[in-house]
Amino acid sequence: MKEKITFSFGKNWQDFLKTLTKEKIKNAEISIKDFMGVTEFTDKSVIDIGCGSGIFSYVMFKMNAKKIVSFDVDPFSVKCCEFMHKKAGNPKKWVFHQGSILDDAFISNLGKFDIVYSWGVLHHTGKMWDAIKKSAQLVNKGGYYYIAIYNKGDGMFGPKFWLGIKKFYNAHPFIGKYIFETGYILAFFALNLVKLRNPFKQIRDYKQNRGMSWRRDIADWLGGYPYEYATIEEIFNFMKSNFPDFQLINVKSVNRLSNNWYLFKRNN
């Protein structure tokens, strides 16, 4: 099957913003504060790599970051960021661009930042390890590197299985994608009912997960391609080998295929 990408993260984020609420923004803010152990970004410069919906850049603005740079390779995601920028009152200290973390000419003009943030993005570039290396190089001395990368997982329904699913999904037009998503949703309900779990409660509670949308994340998961992954040990060893002055200060692990969270701090 010819490999191609027919899924736009940005269009998916545009659908997400149609359901945006203050509660979702608050949950996104809580996720950053809790994981980093901070309440504000005062006097901190921040870069949001793969800004997606723009809500985390917006949260960084609300947390009083002194400078915010947001960028995404998807033009529809840039439009989402523009929408959130307007919602913030078009602040001059927050700028946004269309660009790729793999583009040396583009990133060479960005500078260094006190906080480099890229959640669930670098594994979709097609060159994950290069993307990690290039993004980590943007961290100031004494700064923080906050990323989330798909867990490697194992078993029959491990990453190789889902890689095939993603290729299959992207090979089909809109109606095929819709049918596929419907099948996934029906399987979700069936599996939870068999296990005597309330699927409706899980859907209601999902917004507490960084303020995200259960329905939009299904499309994101099925369509998100390229798709790479790593174990916590692989990420740790890569950082230790390439950036010995970075220390892992927090990690949130999963036992399935979703994202492991990492927070590194660079020595002064």
C-alpha atoms as a PDB file:
ATOM      1  CA  MET A   1       0.000   0.000   0.000  1.00  0.00           C
ATOM      2  CA  LYS A   2       1.399   3.372  -0.961  1.00  0.00           C
ATOM      3  CA  GLU A   3       2.153   5.401   2.139  1.00  0.00           C
ATOM      4  CA  LYS A   4       0.636   8.863   2.239  1.00  0.00           C
ATOM      5  CA  ILE A   5      -0.652  11.396   4.741  1.00  0.00           C
ATOM      6  CA  THR A   6      -4.220  12.557   4.224  1.00  0.00           C
ATOM      7  CA  PHE A   7      -4.907  13.641   7.810  1.00  0.00           C
ATOM      8  CA  SER A   8      -4.546  17.251   8.930  1.00  0.00           C
ATOM      9  CA  PHE A   9      -3.880  17.780  12.626  1.00  0.00           C
ATOM     10  CA  GLY A  10      -4.738  21.429  12.066  1.00  0.00           C
ATOM     11  CA  LYS A  11      -8.214  20.752  10.688  1.00  0.00           C
ATOM     12  CA  ASN A  12      -8.821  18.422  13.618  1.00  0.00           C
ATOM     13  CA  TRP A  13      -7.736  21.206  15.990  1.00  0.00           C
ATOM     14  CA  GLN A  14     -10.112  23.620  14.277  1.00  0.00           C
ATOM     15  CA  ASP A  15     -12.959  21.241  15.098  1.00  0.00           C
ATOM     16  CA  PHE A  16     -11.668  21.051  18.675  1.00  0.00           C
ATOM     17  CA  LEU A  17     -11.734  24.836  19.068  1.00  0.00           C
ATOM     18  CA  LYS A  18     -15.439  24.828  18.186  1.00  0.00           C
ATOM     19  CA  THR A  19     -16.026  23.096  21.548  1.00  0.00           C
ATOM     20  CA  LEU A  20     -13.459  25.088  23.542  1.00  0.00           C
ATOM     21  CA  THR A  21     -14.570  26.096  27.042  1.00  0.00           C
ATOM     22  CA  LYS A  22     -13.017  27.910  29.983  1.00  0.00           C
ATOM     23  CA  GLU A  23     -12.932  24.584  31.805  1.00  0.00           C
ATOM     24  CA  LYS A  24     -10.830  22.975  29.072  1.00  0.00           C
ATOM     25  CA  ILE A  25      -8.395  25.885  29.113  1.00  0.00           C
ATOM     26  CA  LYS A  26      -8.180  25.623  32.895  1.00  0.00           C
ATOM     27  CA  ASN A  27      -7.450  21.882  32.709  1.00  0.00           C
ATOM     28  CA  ALA A  28      -4.709  22.567  30.145  1.00  0.00           C
ATOM     29  CA  GLU A  29      -3.217  25.124  32.529  1.00  0.00           C
ATOM     30  CA  ILE A  30      -3.384  22.723  35.473  1.00  0.00           C
ATOM     31  CA  SER A  31      -1.552  20.042  33.479  1.00  0.00           C
ATOM     32  CA  ILE A  32       1.424  22.367  32.937  1.00  0.00           C
ATOM     33  CA  LYS A  33       1.490  23.740  36.473  1.00  0.00           C
ATOM     34  CA  ASP A  34       1.227  20.334  38.117  1.00  0.00           C
ATOM     35  CA  PHE A  35       3.877  18.650  35.984  1.00  0.00           C
ATOM     36  CA  MET A  36       6.359  21.503  36.163  1.00  0.00           C
ATOM     37  CA  GLY A  37       5.595  22.408  39.756  1.00  0.00           C
ATOM     38  CA  VAL A  38       5.186  26.106  38.962  1.00  0.00           C
ATOM     39  CA  THR A  39       2.399  28.673  39.107  1.00  0.00           C
ATOM     40  CA  GLU A  40       3.734  31.292  36.691  1.00  0.00           C
ATOM     41  CA  PHE A  41       6.223  31.757  33.845  1.00  0.00           C
ATOM     42  CA  THR A  42       7.138  35.314  34.853  1.00  0.00           C
ATOM     43  CA  ASP A  43      10.480  36.395  33.306  1.00  0.00           C
ATOM     44  CA  LYS A  44      10.559  33.169  31.243  1.00  0.00           C
ATOM     45  CA  SER A  45      10.742  32.898  27.465  1.00  0.00           C
ATOM     46  CA  VAL A  46       8.758  29.988  26.011  1.00  0.00           C
ATOM     47  CA  ILE A  47       8.584  28.213  22.667  1.00  0.00           C
ATOM     48  CA  ASP A  48       5.656  25.946  21.755  1.00  0.00           C
ATOM     49  CA  ILE A  49       6.845  23.528  19.059  1.00  0.00           C
ATOM     50  CA  GLY A  50       3.907  22.116  17.116  1.00  0.00           C
ATOM     51  CA  CYS A  51       1.436  24.487  18.747  1.00  0.00           C
ATOM     52  CA  GLY A  52      -1.626  22.624  17.402  1.00  0.00           C
ATOM     53  CA  SER A  53      -4.781  24.193  18.821  1.00  0.00           C
ATOM     54  CA  GLY A  54      -2.853  27.101  20.323  1.00  0.00           C
ATOM     55  CA  ILE A  55      -4.412  26.652  23.745  1.00  0.00           C
ATOM     56  CA  PHE A  56      -1.132  25.817  25.461  1.00  0.00           C
ATOM     57  CA  SER A  57       0.514  28.889  23.998  1.00  0.00           C
ATOM     58  CA  TYR A  58      -2.517  30.775  25.303  1.00  0.00           C
ATOM     59  CA  VAL A  59      -2.022  29.193  28.740  1.00  0.00           C
ATOM     60  CA  MET A  60       1.624  30.259  28.687  1.00  0.00           C
ATOM     61  CA  PHE A  61       0.470  33.796  27.976  1.00  0.00           C
ATOM     62  CA  LYS A  62      -1.960  33.575  30.907  1.00  0.00           C
ATOM     63  CA  MET A  63       0.941  32.355  33.062  1.00  0.00           C
ATOM     64  CA  ASN A  64       2.744  35.647  32.341  1.00  0.00           C
ATOM     65  CA  ALA A  65       5.571  34.367  30.147  1.00  0.00           C
ATOM     66  CA  LYS A  66       7.668  37.336  29.020  1.00  0.00           C
ATOM     67  CA  LYS A  67       8.023  35.991  25.461  1.00  0.00           C
ATOM     68  CA  ILE A  68       6.130  33.274  23.571  1.00  0.00           C
ATOM     69  CA  VAL A  69       7.000  31.838  20.171  1.00  0.00           C
ATOM     70  CA  SER A  70       4.589  29.317  18.653  1.00  0.00           C
ATOM     71  CA  PHE A  71       4.966  27.438  15.405  1.00  0.00           C
ATOM     72  CA  ASP A  72       3.514  24.502  13.527  1.00  0.00           C
ATOM     73  CA  VAL A  73       4.115  22.916  10.139  1.00  0.00           C
ATOM     74  CA  ASP A  74       0.359  22.620   9.486  1.00  0.00           C
ATOM     75  CA  PRO A  75      -1.136  25.915   8.197  1.00  0.00           C
ATOM     76  CA  PHE A  76      -4.498  25.087   9.791  1.00  0.00           C
ATOM     77  CA  SER A  77      -2.812  24.761  13.179  1.00  0.00           C
ATOM     78  CA  VAL A  78      -1.235  28.170  12.603  1.00  0.00           C
ATOM     79  CA  LYS A  79      -4.767  29.491  12.008  1.00  0.00           C
ATOM     80  CA  CYS A  80      -5.823  27.949  15.322  1.00  0.00           C
ATOM     81  CA  CYS A  81      -2.936  29.692  17.056  1.00  0.00           C
ATOM     82  CA  GLU A  82      -3.925  32.946  15.389  1.00  0.00           C
ATOM     83  CA  PHE A  83      -7.444  32.511  16.784  1.00  0.00           C
ATOM     84  CA  MET A  84      -6.100  32.011  20.322  1.00  0.00           C
ATOM     85  CA  HIS A  85      -3.712  34.932  19.854  1.00  0.00           C
ATOM     86  CA  LYS A  86      -6.673  37.170  19.042  1.00  0.00           C
ATOM     87  CA  LYS A  87      -8.501  35.763  22.071  1.00  0.00           C
ATOM     88  CA  ALA A  88      -5.539  36.928  24.176  1.00  0.00           C
ATOM     89  CA  GLY A  89      -5.840  40.452  22.712  1.00  0.00           C
ATOM     90  CA  ASN A  90      -3.100  40.170  20.061  1.00  0.00           C
ATOM     91  CA  PRO A  91      -0.206  40.597  22.521  1.00  0.00           C
ATOM     92  CA  LYS A  92       3.087  41.696  20.957  1.00  0.00           C
ATOM     93  CA  LYS A  93       5.094  39.413  23.234  1.00  0.00           C
ATOM     94  CA  TRP A  94       3.488  36.365  21.585  1.00  0.00           C
ATOM     95  CA  VAL A  95       4.377  35.609  17.959  1.00  0.00           C
ATOM     96  CA  PHE A  96       3.490  32.619  15.793  1.00  0.00           C
ATOM     97  CA  HIS A  97       4.869  31.131  12.584  1.00  0.00           C
ATOM     98  CA  GLN A  98       4.463  28.291  10.142  1.00  0.00           C
ATOM     99  CA  GLY A  99       7.589  26.172  10.194  1.00  0.00           C
ATOM    100  CA  SER A 100       9.177  22.806  10.919  1.00  0.00           C
ATOM    101  CA  ILE A 101      11.497  21.786  13.724  1.00  0.00           C
ATOM    102  CA  LEU A 102      13.452  19.860  11.069  1.00  0.00           C
ATOM    103  CA  ASP A 103      14.130  23.016   9.045  1.00  0.00           C
ATOM    104  CA  ASP A 104      17.605  24.194  10.069  1.00  0.00           C
ATOM    105  CA  ALA A 105      17.234  27.557   8.353  1.00  0.00           C
ATOM    106  CA  PHE A 106      13.988  28.222  10.186  1.00  0.00           C
ATOM    107  CA  ILE A 107      15.075  27.189  13.677  1.00  0.00           C
ATOM    108  CA  SER A 108      18.443  28.957  13.392  1.00  0.00           C
ATOM    109  CA  ASN A 109      16.589  32.273  13.698  1.00  0.00           C
ATOM    110  CA  LEU A 110      14.525  31.335  16.751  1.00  0.00           C
ATOM    111  CA  GLY A 111      17.131  31.760  19.485  1.00  0.00           C
ATOM    112  CA  LYS A 112      17.187  30.067  22.905  1.00  0.00           C
ATOM    113  CA  PHE A 113      14.361  29.735  25.408  1.00  0.00           C
ATOM    114  CA  ASP A 114      13.876  29.178  29.110  1.00  0.00           C
ATOM    115  CA  ILE A 115      11.118  26.651  28.403  1.00  0.00           C
ATOM    116  CA  VAL A 116      10.969  24.480  25.291  1.00  0.00           C
ATOM    117  CA  TYR A 117       7.589  22.763  25.095  1.00  0.00           C
ATOM    118  CA  SER A 118       6.523  20.124  22.564  1.00  0.00           C
ATOM    119  CA  TRP A 119       3.735  17.810  23.640  1.00  0.00           C
ATOM    120  CA  GLY A 120       2.925  14.836  21.421  1.00  0.00           C
ATOM    121  CA  VAL A 121       4.515  16.367  18.333  1.00  0.00           C
ATOM    122  CA  LEU A 122       8.072  15.213  17.690  1.00  0.00           C
ATOM    123  CA  HIS A 123       7.053  11.596  17.042  1.00  0.00           C
ATOM    124  CA  HIS A 124       4.944  12.794  14.084  1.00  0.00           C
ATOM    125  CA  THR A 125       7.784  14.484  12.188  1.00  0.00           C
ATOM    126  CA  GLY A 126       9.065  11.337  10.469  1.00  0.00           C
ATOM    127  CA  LYS A 127      12.495  11.941  12.035  1.00  0.00           C
ATOM    128  CA  MET A 128      11.771  11.787  15.750  1.00  0.00           C
ATOM    129  CA  TRP A 129      15.328  11.553  17.048  1.00  0.00           C
ATOM    130  CA  ASP A 130      16.465  14.446  14.866  1.00  0.00           C
ATOM    131  CA  ALA A 131      13.464  16.458  16.043  1.00  0.00           C
ATOM    132  CA  ILE A 132      14.314  15.770  19.686  1.00  0.00           C
ATOM    133  CA  LYS A 133      17.930  16.784  19.133  1.00  0.00           C
ATOM    134  CA  LYS A 134      17.051  19.997  17.282  1.00  0.00           C
ATOM    135  CA  SER A 135      14.386  21.030  19.804  1.00  0.00           C
ATOM    136  CA  ALA A 136      16.614  20.336  22.829  1.00  0.00           C
ATOM    137  CA  GLN A 137      19.263  22.615  21.317  1.00  0.00           C
ATOM    138  CA  LEU A 138      16.843  25.521  21.772  1.00  0.00           C
ATOM    139  CA  VAL A 139      16.972  25.284  25.597  1.00  0.00           C
ATOM    140  CA  ASN A 140      18.752  28.047  27.485  1.00  0.00           C
ATOM    141  CA  LYS A 141      21.210  27.194  30.237  1.00  0.00           C
ATOM    142  CA  GLY A 142      19.134  26.636  33.353  1.00  0.00           C
ATOM    143  CA  GLY A 143      16.083  26.140  31.141  1.00  0.00           C
ATOM    144  CA  TYR A 144      13.487  23.369  30.895  1.00  0.00           C
ATOM    145  CA  TYR A 145      12.737  20.858  28.169  1.00  0.00           C
ATOM    146  CA  TYR A 146       9.149  19.553  28.371  1.00  0.00           C
ATOM    147  CA  ILE A 147       8.133  16.913  25.822  1.00  0.00           C
ATOM    148  CA  ALA A 148       5.730  14.006  25.440  1.00  0.00           C
ATOM    149  CA  ILE A 149       6.523  11.007  23.234  1.00  0.00           C
ATOM    150  CA  TYR A 150       4.445   7.939  22.391  1.00  0.00           C
ATOM    151  CA  ASN A 151       5.334   4.936  24.515  1.00  0.00           C
ATOM    152  CA  LYS A 152       6.743   1.934  22.678  1.00  0.00           C
ATOM    153  CA  GLY A 153       4.483  -0.682  24.245  1.00  0.00           C
ATOM    154  CA  ASP A 154       4.396  -4.304  23.150  1.00  0.00           C
ATOM    155  CA  GLY A 155       2.046  -7.218  22.513  1.00  0.00           C
ATOM    156  CA  MET A 156      -0.270  -8.120  19.656  1.00  0.00           C
ATOM    157  CA  PHE A 157      -1.806  -4.635  19.579  1.00  0.00           C
ATOM    158  CA  GLY A 158       1.488  -2.834  19.976  1.00  0.00           C
ATOM    159  CA  PRO A 159       2.942  -0.001  17.884  1.00  0.00           C
ATOM    160  CA  LYS A 160       3.540  -2.103  14.764  1.00  0.00           C
ATOM    161  CA  PHE A 161      -0.172  -2.998  14.695  1.00  0.00           C
ATOM    162  CA  TRP A 162      -1.182   0.655  15.031  1.00  0.00           C
ATOM    163  CA  LEU A 163       1.357   1.751  12.441  1.00  0.00           C
ATOM    164  CA  GLY A 164      -0.496  -0.472   9.986  1.00  0.00           C
ATOM    165  CA  ILE A 165      -3.840   0.977  11.096  1.00  0.00           C
ATOM    166  CA  LYS A 166      -2.602   4.536  10.564  1.00  0.00           C
ATOM    167  CA  LYS A 167      -1.336   3.738   7.066  1.00  0.00           C
ATOM    168  CA  PHE A 168      -4.670   2.094   6.251  1.00  0.00           C
ATOM    169  CA  TYR A 169      -6.632   5.064   7.633  1.00  0.00           C
ATOM    170  CA  ASN A 170      -4.613   7.610   5.653  1.00  0.00           C
ATOM    171  CA  ALA A 171      -5.054   5.617   2.450  1.00  0.00           C
ATOM    172  CA  HIS A 172      -8.817   6.245   2.454  1.00  0.00           C
ATOM    173  CA  PRO A 173     -10.967   9.297   1.637  1.00  0.00           C
ATOM    174  CA  PHE A 174     -13.202  11.127   4.101  1.00  0.00           C
ATOM    175  CA  ILE A 175     -16.052   8.606   4.088  1.00  0.00           C
ATOM    176  CA  GLY A 176     -13.627   5.762   4.716  1.00  0.00           C
ATOM    177  CA  LYS A 177     -12.112   7.641   7.633  1.00  0.00           C
ATOM    178  CA  TYR A 178     -15.558   8.342   9.069  1.00  0.00           C
ATOM    179  CA  ILE A 179     -16.529   4.662   8.886  1.00  0.00           C
ATOM    180  CA  PHE A 180     -13.233   3.696  10.475  1.00  0.00           C
ATOM    181  CA  GLU A 181     -13.674   6.177  13.324  1.00  0.00           C
ATOM    182  CA  THR A 182     -17.233   4.925  13.895  1.00  0.00           C
ATOM    183  CA  GLY A 183     -15.959   1.365  14.143  1.00  0.00           C
ATOM    184  CA  TYR A 184     -13.327   2.457  16.648  1.00  0.00           C
ATOM    185  CA  ILE A 185     -15.966   4.194  18.781  1.00  0.00           C
ATOM    186  CA  LEU A 186     -18.262   1.159  18.727  1.00  0.00           C
ATOM    187  CA  ALA A 187     -15.342  -1.053  19.748  1.00  0.00           C
ATOM    188  CA  PHE A 188     -14.569   1.349  22.618  1.00  0.00           C
ATOM    189  CA  PHE A 189     -18.127   1.081  23.947  1.00  0.00           C
ATOM    190  CA  ALA A 190     -18.246  -2.686  23.522  1.00  0.00           C
ATOM    191  CA  LEU A 191     -14.931  -3.274  25.274  1.00  0.00           C
ATOM    192  CA  ASN A 192     -15.863  -1.099  28.238  1.00  0.00           C
ATOM    193  CA  LEU A 193     -19.290  -2.675  28.625  1.00  0.00           C
ATOM    194  CA  VAL A 194     -17.738  -6.151  28.582  1.00  0.00           C
ATOM    195  CA  LYS A 195     -15.372  -5.028  31.344  1.00  0.00           C
ATOM    196  CA  LEU A 196     -18.346  -3.534  33.263  1.00  0.00           C
ATOM    197  CA  ARG A 197     -16.975  -0.011  32.962  1.00  0.00           C
ATOM    198  CA  ASN A 198     -19.090   3.038  32.222  1.00  0.00           C
ATOM    199  CA  PRO A 199     -17.940   4.409  28.839  1.00  0.00           C
ATOM    200  CA  PHE A 200     -20.011   7.582  29.227  1.00  0.00           C
ATOM    201  CA  LYS A 201     -18.218   8.481  32.458  1.00  0.00           C
ATOM    202  CA  GLN A 202     -14.853   8.041  30.743  1.00  0.00           C
ATOM    203  CA  ILE A 203     -15.933  10.365  27.949  1.00  0.00           C
ATOM    204  CA  ARG A 204     -17.251  12.974  30.414  1.00  0.00           C
ATOM    205  CA  ASP A 205     -14.036  12.838  32.442  1.00  0.00           C
ATOM    206  CA  TYR A 206     -11.754  12.967  29.413  1.00  0.00           C
ATOM    207  CA  LYS A 207     -11.636  16.777  29.347  1.00  0.00           C
ATOM    208  CA  GLN A 208      -9.670  16.592  32.606  1.00  0.00           C
ATOM    209  CA  ASN A 209      -6.861  15.131  30.468  1.00  0.00           C
ATOM    210  CA  ARG A 210      -5.093  18.401  29.578  1.00  0.00           C
ATOM    211  CA  GLY A 211      -8.431  19.878  28.506  1.00  0.00           C
ATOM    212  CA  MET A 212      -8.555  17.660  25.442  1.00  0.00           C
ATOM    213  CA  SER A 213     -11.546  16.281  23.516  1.00  0.00           C
ATOM    214  CA  TRP A 214     -12.251  12.539  23.508  1.00  0.00           C
ATOM    215  CA  ARG A 215     -13.772  12.632  20.029  1.00  0.00           C
ATOM    216  CA  ARG A 216     -11.059  14.748  18.430  1.00  0.00           C
ATOM    217  CA  ASP A 217      -8.307  12.677  20.040  1.00  0.00           C
ATOM    218  CA  ILE A 218      -9.724   9.568  18.361  1.00  0.00           C
ATOM    219  CA  ALA A 219      -9.202  11.179  14.960  1.00  0.00           C
ATOM    220  CA  ASP A 220      -5.769  12.362  16.094  1.00  0.00           C
ATOM    221  CA  TRP A 221      -4.777   8.851  17.167  1.00  0.00           C
ATOM    222  CA  LEU A 222      -6.033   7.089  14.043  1.00  0.00           C
ATOM    223  CA  GLY A 223      -4.756   9.679  11.573  1.00  0.00           C
ATOM    224  CA  GLY A 224      -1.528  10.758  13.253  1.00  0.00           C
ATOM    225  CA  TYR A 225       1.180   9.754  10.808  1.00  0.00           C
ATOM    226  CA  PRO A 226       4.211   9.569  10.568  1.00  0.00           C
ATOM    227  CA  TYR A 227       4.236   7.642  13.828  1.00  0.00           C
ATOM    228  CA  GLU A 228       7.259   6.836  15.990  1.00  0.00           C
ATOM    229  CA  TYR A 229       7.672   5.841  19.622  1.00  0.00           C
ATOM    230  CA  ALA A 230      10.219   5.104  22.348  1.00  0.00           C
ATOM    231  CA  THR A 231      10.569   3.640  25.804  1.00  0.00           C
ATOM    232  CA  ILE A 232      11.416   5.882  28.738  1.00  0.00           C
ATOM    233  CA  GLU A 233      14.836   4.235  28.882  1.00  0.00           C
ATOM    234  CA  GLU A 234      15.482   5.008  25.199  1.00  0.00           C
ATOM    235  CA  ILE A 235      14.601   8.683  25.648  1.00  0.00           C
ATOM    236  CA  PHE A 236      16.684   8.911  28.829  1.00  0.00           C
ATOM    237  CA  ASN A 237      19.724   7.272  27.210  1.00  0.00           C
ATOM    238  CA  PHE A 238      19.448   9.453  24.100  1.00  0.00           C
ATOM    239  CA  MET A 239      19.360  12.615  26.180  1.00  0.00           C
ATOM    240  CA  LYS A 240      22.187  11.436  28.420  1.00  0.00           C
ATOM    241  CA  SER A 241      24.343  10.658  25.390  1.00  0.00           C
ATOM    242  CA  ASN A 242      23.607  13.813  23.393  1.00  0.00           C
ATOM    243  CA  PHE A 243      22.877  16.317  26.162  1.00  0.00           C
ATOM    244  CA  PRO A 244      24.830  15.305  29.298  1.00  0.00           C
ATOM    245  CA  ASP A 245      24.078  18.677  30.894  1.00  0.00           C
ATOM    246  CA  PHE A 246      20.324  17.903  30.927  1.00  0.00           C
ATOM    247  CA  GLN A 247      18.850  16.279  34.034  1.00  0.00           C
ATOM    248  CA  LEU A 248      15.534  14.407  34.053  1.00  0.00           C
ATOM    249  CA  ILE A 249      13.562  15.970  36.907  1.00  0.00           C
ATOM    250  CA  ASN A 250      10.077  14.587  36.282  1.00  0.00           C
ATOM    251  CA  VAL A 251       8.486  11.836  34.216  1.00  0.00           C
ATOM    252  CA  LYS A 252       4.934  10.564  33.863  1.00  0.00           C
ATOM    253  CA  SER A 253       4.834   7.062  32.455  1.00  0.00           C
ATOM    254  CA  VAL A 254       2.083   4.990  30.863  1.00  0.00           C
ATOM    255  CA  ASN A 255       1.778   1.235  30.446  1.00  0.00           C
ATOM    256  CA  ARG A 256       0.167   1.402  27.033  1.00  0.00           C
ATOM    257  CA  LEU A 257       0.706   3.328  23.798  1.00  0.00           C
ATOM    258  CA  SER A 258      -0.174   6.868  24.852  1.00  0.00           C
ATOM    259  CA  ASN A 259       2.358   9.565  25.715  1.00  0.00           C
ATOM    260  CA  ASN A 260       5.078   9.436  28.313  1.00  0.00           C
ATOM    261  CA  TRP A 261       5.764  12.920  29.686  1.00  0.00           C
ATOM    262  CA  TYR A 262       9.337  14.154  30.264  1.00  0.00           C
ATOM    263  CA  LEU A 263      10.681  17.240  31.987  1.00  0.00           C
ATOM    264  CA  PHE A 264      14.418  17.875  31.728  1.00  0.00           C
ATOM    265  CA  LYS A 265      16.356  20.777  33.157  1.00  0.00           C
ATOM    266  CA  ARG A 266      19.580  22.034  31.636  1.00  0.00           C
ATOM    267  CA  ASN A 267      22.397  22.869  34.009  1.00  0.00           C
ATOM    268  CA  ASN A 268      23.506  26.485  34.315  1.00  0.00           C
END
